[in-house]
Amino acid sequence: MARVRTAVVAVALIATMAPVVLGGSAAVAAPSPATTATTATTAAAEAAVGAVAEVGTVVQDGGRLTVPAGEEGAVTLRFTASLPAGVRGPVTGVLRLPDKLTEIAGSSPVSENVIRSTCSVNGVAYGECRWDMPYMHDTQDADPPSLALPTVTAAGTLAYAVTLDADRSAIVLGTPDARVELKDGTGAVVAEGTVGLDFVYGTPPPSVRGAVHARDKYGVLWRYEGTGDVNRPFAARKRVGGGWNAYTAVTPVRTAKADGWGDLVARDKSGVLWYYSGTGKPSAPFAPRQRVGGGWNVYTALVGVGDGGLVARDRDGVLWRYESGYHAPFEPRQRVGGGWNTYTALTMSGRYDGVLGRDKDGVLWKYDRLGIIPGPPFAPRHRVGGGWNIYSAIAGAAELGRDRYPDLVARDRAGKLWLYQGVPKPLTSWDYSPVPGPTRTLVGGGWNTYNLIF
């Protein structure tokens, strides 16, 4: 911005400079003392106005910055401020996002420490710098999110380096053009400009990432923890333990996560059902088993619904509902309805929102969980898509990518495992259902070594 000058023109000065005729010759009158004083005052005012009015620039280094909202760690925002000459006193600053936060479900839409930052200026580290993340709730207004920059000594150029370590909730911040404003000791703005930030989905924390289990022909159970990267969805497998060939059915009842949480049940050959509680330890994810009871060999399929509950299909095709119990693993069963023999495969959807069933024609259907007690457990089914009879095993899983939706893995007859990322399927103008998407990604081959995947 150009320096602003104030011109003061005195009428008296014009008058005193008019030619005066003395003895027939022209002469210019000398300035009066008052005129001299006025000129000096004007020059001082002009200099003062120019010093205050000039505002420097803030320029981002390297263009817009991509900030992963996840487990990747910090990235560094760099920008340089050029201050006008003559700035005195300490320089303070703020980086302010353009949009205000609005409460979600009665609380802040972001976590308490949604972004953790440190700041340095001209190579000098100033340690942690704090974000303010107020949010509007009820009828109360709030300021936009802002970061207080460190107070520094004035200099012609100030080079800022701000680290941004954002958690998963930062995705709501979007792609803002943030405003940077620097002020001198009097509170006057001495430099300003914008920096571009693009918050994108990063690697989810282990508490969100899913895990898949597989039993080999020797009865050894293996664990595959999600990485959050669809191009490499699983970390190297971990051995859970042997002896799992004693079971004719195994199913999660609480969604398996990479952090070691997630319960499952297993039915042995005599029809006894056993409960394995999650430990929260990925290296040893299950506690010693507990006996639920006998008589479970009347069922041809057992499917967990993700929240501790279970549905079971008997030989007549009738589906029964077992809700998670308070004093026992399950409450007494309730009849859901008949006709479930039409399905050749049943699996949980990957979280506590229902089950998926593949019919004899290879069509995949989704039953969304209602969670109404007493009442029907599922909403009417809706069609996901056809062609699923090419797979010898399908298993719903919690998020294996980084898009918030549950996923599904499917093994074909050649032993290749495929990943289907979840997508939102609109059901009404205000509701949707997460379902396996239309495209698949190859995980790898050799999965025919397993006789059970869940």
Protein backbone atom coordinates (compact mmCIF):
# COMPACT_ATOMS: atom_id res chain seq x y z
CA MET A 1 0.00 0.00 0.00
CA ALA A 2 1.39 3.42 -0.92
CA ARG A 3 2.30 5.87 1.80
CA VAL A 4 -0.54 8.38 2.36
CA ARG A 5 0.28 12.06 2.56
CA THR A 6 -1.84 14.94 3.83
CA ALA A 7 -1.46 18.25 1.96
CA VAL A 8 -2.29 21.41 3.86
CA VAL A 9 -2.65 24.54 1.72
CA ALA A 10 -2.77 27.80 3.61
CA VAL A 11 -4.56 30.70 2.02
CA ALA A 12 -2.19 33.07 3.81
CA LEU A 13 0.75 31.31 2.20
CA ILE A 14 -0.69 31.89 -1.26
CA ALA A 15 -1.29 35.54 -0.45
CA THR A 16 2.21 36.18 0.84
CA MET A 17 3.72 34.66 -2.30
CA ALA A 18 1.86 37.03 -4.64
CA PRO A 19 4.16 39.57 -6.51
CA VAL A 20 4.39 43.05 -4.93
CA VAL A 21 5.33 46.14 -7.04
CA LEU A 22 7.76 48.43 -5.33
CA GLY A 23 9.03 51.37 -7.29
CA GLY A 24 7.97 49.83 -10.54
CA SER A 25 9.83 46.54 -10.01
CA ALA A 26 8.26 43.26 -9.04
CA ALA A 27 9.26 41.58 -5.76
CA VAL A 28 8.17 38.58 -3.72
CA ALA A 29 7.25 39.19 -0.14
CA ALA A 30 9.11 37.17 2.48
CA PRO A 31 7.10 34.54 4.41
CA SER A 32 5.73 35.66 7.71
CA PRO A 33 6.68 33.88 10.96
CA ALA A 34 3.14 32.41 11.12
CA THR A 35 3.53 30.94 7.66
CA THR A 36 6.84 29.31 8.62
CA ALA A 37 5.24 27.72 11.69
CA THR A 38 2.30 26.42 9.65
CA THR A 39 4.62 24.81 7.12
CA ALA A 40 6.60 23.03 9.84
CA THR A 41 3.44 21.74 11.53
CA THR A 42 2.13 20.49 8.21
CA ALA A 43 5.35 18.60 7.48
CA ALA A 44 5.30 16.95 10.91
CA ALA A 45 1.64 15.95 10.52
CA GLU A 46 2.33 14.72 7.03
CA ALA A 47 5.15 12.49 8.28
CA ALA A 48 3.06 11.17 11.18
CA VAL A 49 0.09 10.31 8.97
CA GLY A 50 2.34 8.56 6.49
CA ALA A 51 3.99 6.45 9.22
CA VAL A 52 0.67 5.26 10.64
CA ALA A 53 -1.14 4.68 7.39
CA GLU A 54 1.38 2.44 5.65
CA VAL A 55 0.54 -1.28 6.02
CA GLY A 56 2.90 -4.09 5.08
CA THR A 57 2.13 -7.43 3.49
CA VAL A 58 1.85 -11.05 4.62
CA VAL A 59 2.72 -13.65 1.98
CA GLN A 60 2.39 -17.42 2.41
CA ASP A 61 5.45 -19.47 1.47
CA GLY A 62 4.80 -22.30 -0.98
CA GLY A 63 1.10 -21.71 -1.56
CA ARG A 64 -1.83 -23.36 0.19
CA LEU A 65 -1.01 -25.88 2.91
CA THR A 66 -2.68 -29.30 3.17
CA VAL A 67 -3.32 -30.17 6.81
CA PRO A 68 -4.21 -33.84 7.48
CA ALA A 69 -6.81 -34.20 10.22
CA GLY A 70 -5.61 -37.43 11.76
CA GLU A 71 -2.59 -39.31 13.06
CA GLU A 72 0.02 -38.01 10.57
CA GLY A 73 1.51 -35.44 12.93
CA ALA A 74 2.36 -31.80 12.41
CA VAL A 75 2.82 -29.90 9.17
CA THR A 76 4.35 -26.41 9.05
CA LEU A 77 2.69 -23.24 7.83
CA ARG A 78 5.22 -20.62 6.73
CA PHE A 79 4.53 -17.00 5.89
CA THR A 80 6.59 -13.82 5.74
CA ALA A 81 5.49 -10.38 6.90
CA SER A 82 7.12 -7.25 5.44
CA LEU A 83 6.72 -4.30 7.80
CA PRO A 84 6.92 -0.63 6.74
CA ALA A 85 9.87 1.44 7.89
CA GLY A 86 9.57 3.14 11.23
CA VAL A 87 7.52 0.55 13.09
CA ARG A 88 8.33 0.81 16.78
CA GLY A 89 7.56 -1.26 19.82
CA PRO A 90 6.63 -4.97 20.10
CA VAL A 91 4.64 -6.56 17.30
CA THR A 92 1.67 -8.77 18.16
CA GLY A 93 -0.31 -10.90 15.75
CA VAL A 94 -3.29 -13.15 15.20
CA LEU A 95 -4.27 -15.73 12.58
CA ARG A 96 -8.05 -15.84 12.29
CA LEU A 97 -10.23 -18.30 10.40
CA PRO A 98 -13.16 -16.81 8.46
CA ASP A 99 -16.05 -19.01 9.63
CA LYS A 100 -17.60 -19.35 13.05
CA LEU A 101 -18.16 -22.72 14.69
CA THR A 102 -21.72 -23.82 15.47
CA GLU A 103 -22.48 -26.36 18.17
CA ILE A 104 -23.31 -29.94 17.25
CA ALA A 105 -25.53 -31.98 19.58
CA GLY A 106 -25.15 -29.41 22.35
CA SER A 107 -21.35 -29.24 22.34
CA SER A 108 -18.40 -27.96 20.39
CA PRO A 109 -18.01 -29.42 16.88
CA VAL A 110 -14.28 -29.82 17.51
CA SER A 111 -12.29 -31.47 20.29
CA GLU A 112 -10.66 -29.48 23.05
CA ASN A 113 -7.21 -29.65 21.46
CA VAL A 114 -8.30 -29.89 17.85
CA ILE A 115 -5.07 -28.23 16.64
CA ARG A 116 -1.80 -28.17 18.56
CA SER A 117 0.67 -25.55 17.39
CA THR A 118 4.12 -24.21 18.08
CA CYS A 119 5.49 -20.96 16.68
CA SER A 120 8.86 -19.56 15.69
CA VAL A 121 9.74 -16.19 14.17
CA ASN A 122 12.97 -15.46 12.31
CA GLY A 123 14.34 -18.79 13.55
CA VAL A 124 13.63 -18.08 17.23
CA ALA A 125 11.37 -20.70 18.85
CA TYR A 126 8.57 -19.36 21.05
CA GLY A 127 7.11 -22.72 22.07
CA GLU A 128 3.41 -23.52 22.12
CA CYS A 129 0.97 -21.01 20.74
CA ARG A 130 -2.67 -21.52 21.62
CA TRP A 131 -5.81 -21.70 19.55
CA ASP A 132 -9.09 -20.22 20.68
CA MET A 133 -12.03 -22.28 19.39
CA PRO A 134 -15.26 -20.64 20.62
CA TYR A 135 -18.54 -21.83 19.18
CA MET A 136 -22.03 -20.43 18.84
CA HIS A 137 -24.71 -22.14 20.91
CA ASP A 138 -28.35 -21.38 21.62
CA THR A 139 -28.69 -17.66 20.88
CA GLN A 140 -25.12 -16.75 21.83
CA ASP A 141 -22.73 -15.53 19.17
CA ALA A 142 -19.01 -16.29 19.09
CA ASP A 143 -15.85 -15.11 17.40
CA PRO A 144 -14.26 -17.23 14.66
CA PRO A 145 -11.41 -19.58 15.65
CA SER A 146 -8.09 -17.81 16.04
CA LEU A 147 -4.44 -18.44 16.86
CA ALA A 148 -2.47 -15.92 18.93
CA LEU A 149 0.95 -15.37 17.37
CA PRO A 150 3.92 -14.61 19.64
CA THR A 151 4.88 -11.05 20.56
CA VAL A 152 8.17 -10.15 18.87
CA THR A 153 10.52 -7.23 18.38
CA ALA A 154 9.79 -5.13 15.31
CA ALA A 155 11.89 -5.82 12.23
CA GLY A 156 11.67 -5.10 8.53
CA THR A 157 10.89 -8.75 7.79
CA LEU A 158 9.32 -11.34 10.10
CA ALA A 159 9.38 -14.98 8.94
CA TYR A 160 6.81 -17.11 10.80
CA ALA A 161 6.80 -20.92 11.06
CA VAL A 162 3.66 -22.36 12.69
CA THR A 163 3.23 -26.10 13.14
CA LEU A 164 -0.29 -27.52 12.83
CA ASP A 165 -1.01 -30.94 14.36
CA ALA A 166 -4.72 -31.48 13.74
CA ASP A 167 -6.90 -34.27 15.09
CA ARG A 168 -9.83 -35.91 13.31
CA SER A 169 -12.40 -33.30 14.35
CA ALA A 170 -10.49 -30.55 12.48
CA ILE A 171 -12.08 -31.72 9.24
CA VAL A 172 -15.04 -29.42 10.02
CA LEU A 173 -12.75 -26.41 9.50
CA GLY A 174 -12.83 -27.04 5.76
CA THR A 175 -10.59 -25.07 3.38
CA PRO A 176 -10.34 -21.59 4.87
CA ASP A 177 -8.47 -18.51 3.71
CA ALA A 178 -7.18 -17.43 7.11
CA ARG A 179 -6.46 -13.78 7.84
CA VAL A 180 -3.13 -12.79 9.41
CA GLU A 181 -2.98 -9.40 11.09
CA LEU A 182 0.04 -7.84 12.83
CA LYS A 183 -0.10 -4.74 15.06
CA ASP A 184 2.47 -2.44 16.59
CA GLY A 185 2.66 -1.23 20.18
CA THR A 186 -0.07 1.38 19.64
CA GLY A 187 -2.52 -1.19 18.25
CA ALA A 188 -2.19 0.05 14.66
CA VAL A 189 -2.18 -2.60 11.93
CA VAL A 190 1.27 -2.77 10.36
CA ALA A 191 0.93 -5.87 8.14
CA GLU A 192 -1.90 -8.08 6.90
CA GLY A 193 -2.66 -10.81 4.37
CA THR A 194 -4.20 -14.26 3.94
CA VAL A 195 -2.88 -17.82 4.12
CA GLY A 196 -4.67 -20.84 2.65
CA LEU A 197 -5.30 -24.01 4.68
CA ASP A 198 -6.92 -27.20 3.39
CA PHE A 199 -7.99 -29.58 6.17
CA VAL A 200 -8.35 -33.10 4.72
CA TYR A 201 -9.11 -36.51 6.20
CA GLY A 202 -5.99 -37.99 7.74
CA THR A 203 -5.27 -41.39 9.26
CA PRO A 204 -7.97 -42.18 11.84
CA PRO A 205 -6.90 -43.04 15.39
CA PRO A 206 -6.77 -46.73 16.37
CA SER A 207 -10.07 -46.32 18.22
CA VAL A 208 -11.74 -45.65 14.86
CA ARG A 209 -9.80 -47.94 12.51
CA GLY A 210 -11.20 -51.41 12.04
CA ALA A 211 -9.67 -54.86 12.41
CA VAL A 212 -10.41 -58.11 10.57
CA HIS A 213 -9.76 -61.62 11.87
CA ALA A 214 -9.15 -64.81 9.89
CA ARG A 215 -8.82 -68.47 10.95
CA ASP A 216 -6.50 -70.76 9.01
CA LYS A 217 -6.93 -74.50 8.39
CA TYR A 218 -4.79 -75.30 11.45
CA GLY A 219 -7.16 -73.43 13.75
CA VAL A 220 -4.85 -70.45 14.29
CA LEU A 221 -6.59 -67.07 14.49
CA TRP A 222 -4.85 -64.12 12.87
CA ARG A 223 -5.53 -60.42 13.29
CA TYR A 224 -5.29 -57.74 10.59
CA GLU A 225 -5.42 -54.17 11.91
CA GLY A 226 -6.52 -51.36 9.63
CA THR A 227 -3.99 -48.71 8.65
CA GLY A 228 -6.33 -46.02 7.34
CA ASP A 229 -4.68 -46.24 3.91
CA VAL A 230 -6.85 -47.95 1.28
CA ASN A 231 -3.78 -48.65 -0.86
CA ARG A 232 -2.36 -50.66 2.04
CA PRO A 233 -5.40 -51.27 4.24
CA PHE A 234 -3.86 -53.76 6.69
CA ALA A 235 -0.73 -53.84 8.80
CA ALA A 236 1.23 -57.08 9.00
CA ARG A 237 -0.90 -59.82 10.50
CA LYS A 238 -0.62 -60.74 14.20
CA ARG A 239 -1.12 -64.18 15.68
CA VAL A 240 -3.95 -64.27 18.21
CA GLY A 241 -3.65 -67.93 19.11
CA GLY A 242 -4.48 -71.53 18.25
CA GLY A 243 -7.40 -73.84 18.97
CA TRP A 244 -10.04 -71.85 17.12
CA ASN A 245 -10.97 -74.82 14.94
CA ALA A 246 -13.02 -76.01 17.91
CA TYR A 247 -15.69 -73.56 16.78
CA THR A 248 -18.31 -73.96 14.05
CA ALA A 249 -19.21 -70.26 14.09
CA VAL A 250 -17.43 -67.09 15.22
CA THR A 251 -18.80 -63.55 14.95
CA PRO A 252 -18.01 -60.15 16.44
CA VAL A 253 -20.77 -58.65 18.58
CA ARG A 254 -18.94 -55.39 19.23
CA THR A 255 -17.09 -53.92 16.27
CA ALA A 256 -13.42 -54.92 16.22
CA LYS A 257 -11.06 -51.94 16.31
CA ALA A 258 -7.32 -51.54 15.79
CA ASP A 259 -6.94 -50.41 19.41
CA GLY A 260 -7.74 -53.92 20.67
CA TRP A 261 -11.36 -53.37 21.66
CA GLY A 262 -14.21 -55.46 20.29
CA ASP A 263 -16.03 -58.50 21.67
CA LEU A 264 -16.94 -61.71 19.87
CA VAL A 265 -18.83 -64.97 20.44
CA ALA A 266 -17.89 -68.45 19.29
CA ARG A 267 -20.01 -71.61 19.14
CA ASP A 268 -18.29 -74.94 19.69
CA LYS A 269 -19.18 -78.26 18.06
CA SER A 270 -21.42 -79.28 20.94
CA GLY A 271 -23.51 -76.12 20.57
CA VAL A 272 -22.11 -74.17 23.54
CA LEU A 273 -21.68 -70.45 22.97
CA TRP A 274 -18.64 -68.70 24.44
CA TYR A 275 -18.06 -64.97 24.93
CA TYR A 276 -14.68 -63.30 24.38
CA SER A 277 -14.42 -59.75 25.73
CA GLY A 278 -12.06 -57.26 24.12
CA THR A 279 -9.10 -56.16 26.21
CA GLY A 280 -7.98 -52.95 24.53
CA LYS A 281 -4.57 -54.57 23.96
CA PRO A 282 -3.85 -55.20 20.26
CA SER A 283 -1.17 -57.75 21.13
CA ALA A 284 -3.69 -59.79 23.15
CA PRO A 285 -7.12 -58.56 22.05
CA PHE A 286 -9.35 -61.09 23.87
CA ALA A 287 -9.80 -61.96 27.52
CA PRO A 288 -10.31 -65.59 28.57
CA ARG A 289 -13.62 -66.90 27.30
CA GLN A 290 -16.81 -67.07 29.36
CA ARG A 291 -19.57 -69.63 28.88
CA VAL A 292 -22.89 -68.21 27.67
CA GLY A 293 -24.87 -71.43 27.42
CA GLY A 294 -25.76 -74.45 25.33
CA GLY A 295 -28.27 -75.17 22.60
CA TRP A 296 -26.87 -72.77 20.02
CA ASN A 297 -26.43 -75.47 17.36
CA VAL A 298 -30.08 -74.91 16.40
CA TYR A 299 -28.86 -71.90 14.42
CA THR A 300 -27.39 -71.89 10.92
CA ALA A 301 -26.03 -68.34 11.18
CA LEU A 302 -24.94 -65.99 13.96
CA VAL A 303 -24.43 -62.30 13.23
CA GLY A 304 -23.41 -59.54 15.63
CA VAL A 305 -24.97 -56.11 15.24
CA GLY A 306 -21.98 -54.17 16.56
CA ASP A 307 -23.23 -52.91 19.92
CA GLY A 308 -23.06 -56.19 21.83
CA GLY A 309 -26.30 -57.61 20.46
CA LEU A 310 -26.73 -60.64 18.24
CA VAL A 311 -29.19 -62.08 15.71
CA ALA A 312 -29.41 -65.79 14.94
CA ARG A 313 -31.15 -67.68 12.12
CA ASP A 314 -32.62 -71.10 12.79
CA ARG A 315 -33.05 -73.98 10.34
CA ASP A 316 -36.55 -72.84 9.41
CA GLY A 317 -35.24 -69.43 8.31
CA VAL A 318 -36.60 -67.60 11.35
CA LEU A 319 -34.38 -64.83 12.70
CA TRP A 320 -34.10 -64.30 16.45
CA ARG A 321 -32.84 -61.26 18.28
CA TYR A 322 -30.58 -61.32 21.37
CA GLU A 323 -30.09 -57.89 22.90
CA SER A 324 -27.01 -57.18 24.99
CA GLY A 325 -27.84 -57.89 28.63
CA TYR A 326 -27.08 -56.19 31.92
CA HIS A 327 -26.56 -59.22 34.15
CA ALA A 328 -25.79 -61.72 31.37
CA PRO A 329 -24.29 -61.39 27.91
CA PHE A 330 -27.74 -61.51 26.31
CA GLU A 331 -31.35 -60.90 27.14
CA PRO A 332 -33.93 -63.62 26.32
CA ARG A 333 -34.43 -63.97 22.60
CA GLN A 334 -37.20 -62.24 20.61
CA ARG A 335 -38.58 -63.39 17.28
CA VAL A 336 -37.77 -61.08 14.35
CA GLY A 337 -39.46 -62.93 11.49
CA GLY A 338 -39.16 -65.64 8.86
CA GLY A 339 -37.80 -65.88 5.35
CA TRP A 340 -34.13 -65.41 6.21
CA ASN A 341 -33.13 -68.66 4.50
CA THR A 342 -33.07 -66.66 1.28
CA TYR A 343 -29.61 -65.46 2.29
CA THR A 344 -26.45 -67.44 1.59
CA ALA A 345 -24.30 -65.08 3.63
CA LEU A 346 -24.97 -62.70 6.52
CA THR A 347 -22.55 -60.26 8.12
CA MET A 348 -22.57 -57.22 10.36
CA SER A 349 -22.38 -53.94 8.48
CA GLY A 350 -19.12 -52.90 10.12
CA ARG A 351 -20.56 -50.95 13.02
CA TYR A 352 -23.73 -50.85 15.11
CA ASP A 353 -26.09 -49.83 12.29
CA GLY A 354 -27.40 -53.16 10.99
CA VAL A 355 -26.59 -56.25 8.96
CA LEU A 356 -25.91 -57.14 5.33
CA GLY A 357 -27.32 -60.20 3.58
CA ARG A 358 -26.52 -61.75 0.21
CA ASP A 359 -29.39 -63.63 -1.38
CA LYS A 360 -29.30 -66.69 -3.64
CA ASP A 361 -29.21 -64.49 -6.74
CA GLY A 362 -26.08 -62.68 -5.53
CA VAL A 363 -27.87 -59.46 -4.57
CA LEU A 364 -26.62 -57.72 -1.42
CA TRP A 365 -29.23 -56.14 0.89
CA LYS A 366 -28.87 -53.83 3.89
CA TYR A 367 -31.04 -53.95 7.01
CA ASP A 368 -30.57 -50.74 8.99
CA ARG A 369 -30.78 -51.13 12.74
CA LEU A 370 -33.63 -49.32 14.48
CA GLY A 371 -32.60 -50.02 18.06
CA ILE A 372 -36.21 -49.92 19.28
CA ILE A 373 -36.94 -52.07 22.34
CA PRO A 374 -39.52 -53.53 22.25
CA GLY A 375 -40.08 -53.38 18.53
CA PRO A 376 -38.55 -54.52 15.26
CA PRO A 377 -34.74 -54.43 15.23
CA PHE A 378 -34.43 -53.45 11.57
CA ALA A 379 -35.97 -51.09 9.06
CA PRO A 380 -37.20 -52.60 5.78
CA ARG A 381 -34.30 -53.81 3.68
CA HIS A 382 -32.88 -51.81 0.78
CA ARG A 383 -30.85 -53.05 -2.16
CA VAL A 384 -27.09 -52.47 -2.26
CA GLY A 385 -26.31 -54.15 -5.59
CA GLY A 386 -25.89 -57.39 -7.52
CA GLY A 387 -23.00 -59.65 -8.49
CA TRP A 388 -21.94 -60.63 -4.97
CA ASN A 389 -22.16 -64.37 -5.62
CA ILE A 390 -18.61 -64.30 -7.01
CA TYR A 391 -17.35 -64.21 -3.42
CA SER A 392 -16.79 -67.15 -1.09
CA ALA A 393 -16.64 -64.92 2.00
CA ILE A 394 -17.78 -61.41 2.91
CA ALA A 395 -17.16 -59.56 6.17
CA GLY A 396 -18.16 -56.12 7.33
CA ALA A 397 -15.52 -54.06 9.10
CA ALA A 398 -15.14 -50.72 10.79
CA GLU A 399 -13.39 -47.98 8.85
CA LEU A 400 -10.38 -49.22 6.91
CA GLY A 401 -9.92 -45.98 4.95
CA ARG A 402 -10.35 -42.47 6.30
CA ASP A 403 -13.81 -41.35 5.23
CA ARG A 404 -15.83 -42.13 8.40
CA TYR A 405 -17.91 -44.91 6.83
CA PRO A 406 -17.74 -48.64 7.65
CA ASP A 407 -16.19 -50.86 5.00
CA LEU A 408 -16.44 -54.45 3.78
CA VAL A 409 -13.95 -57.06 2.58
CA ALA A 410 -14.81 -59.90 0.19
CA ARG A 411 -12.76 -62.92 -0.91
CA ASP A 412 -13.23 -64.32 -4.39
CA ARG A 413 -12.81 -67.97 -5.36
CA ALA A 414 -9.23 -67.37 -6.51
CA GLY A 415 -8.29 -66.29 -2.99
CA LYS A 416 -8.04 -62.57 -3.71
CA LEU A 417 -9.35 -60.20 -1.05
CA TRP A 418 -11.13 -57.02 -2.13
CA LEU A 419 -11.96 -53.91 -0.15
CA TYR A 420 -15.22 -52.05 -0.66
CA GLN A 421 -15.22 -48.64 0.99
CA GLY A 422 -18.47 -47.51 2.55
CA VAL A 423 -20.50 -44.73 0.97
CA PRO A 424 -23.65 -42.93 2.14
CA LYS A 425 -26.76 -44.13 0.33
CA PRO A 426 -29.60 -41.55 0.52
CA LEU A 427 -32.83 -43.01 1.86
CA THR A 428 -34.81 -39.83 2.38
CA SER A 429 -34.16 -36.10 2.15
CA TRP A 430 -32.82 -36.19 5.71
CA ASP A 431 -31.45 -39.71 6.18
CA TYR A 432 -28.87 -42.03 4.64
CA SER A 433 -27.47 -45.52 5.13
CA PRO A 434 -23.76 -46.44 4.94
CA VAL A 435 -23.34 -49.28 2.44
CA PRO A 436 -20.44 -50.85 0.50
CA GLY A 437 -19.61 -48.63 -2.46
CA PRO A 438 -19.68 -49.58 -6.13
CA THR A 439 -15.91 -49.80 -6.59
CA ARG A 440 -13.42 -52.22 -5.10
CA THR A 441 -9.69 -52.17 -4.31
CA LEU A 442 -7.48 -55.27 -4.37
CA VAL A 443 -5.97 -56.04 -0.98
CA GLY A 444 -3.97 -59.07 -2.05
CA GLY A 445 -3.99 -62.78 -2.81
CA GLY A 446 -3.54 -65.94 -0.79
CA TRP A 447 -6.63 -65.53 1.38
CA ASN A 448 -7.84 -69.05 0.50
CA THR A 449 -5.61 -70.20 3.31
CA TYR A 450 -8.38 -69.11 5.65
CA ASN A 451 -11.62 -71.01 6.22
CA LEU A 452 -13.24 -68.20 8.18
CA ILE A 453 -12.99 -64.41 7.84
CA PHE A 454 -14.84 -62.00 10.15
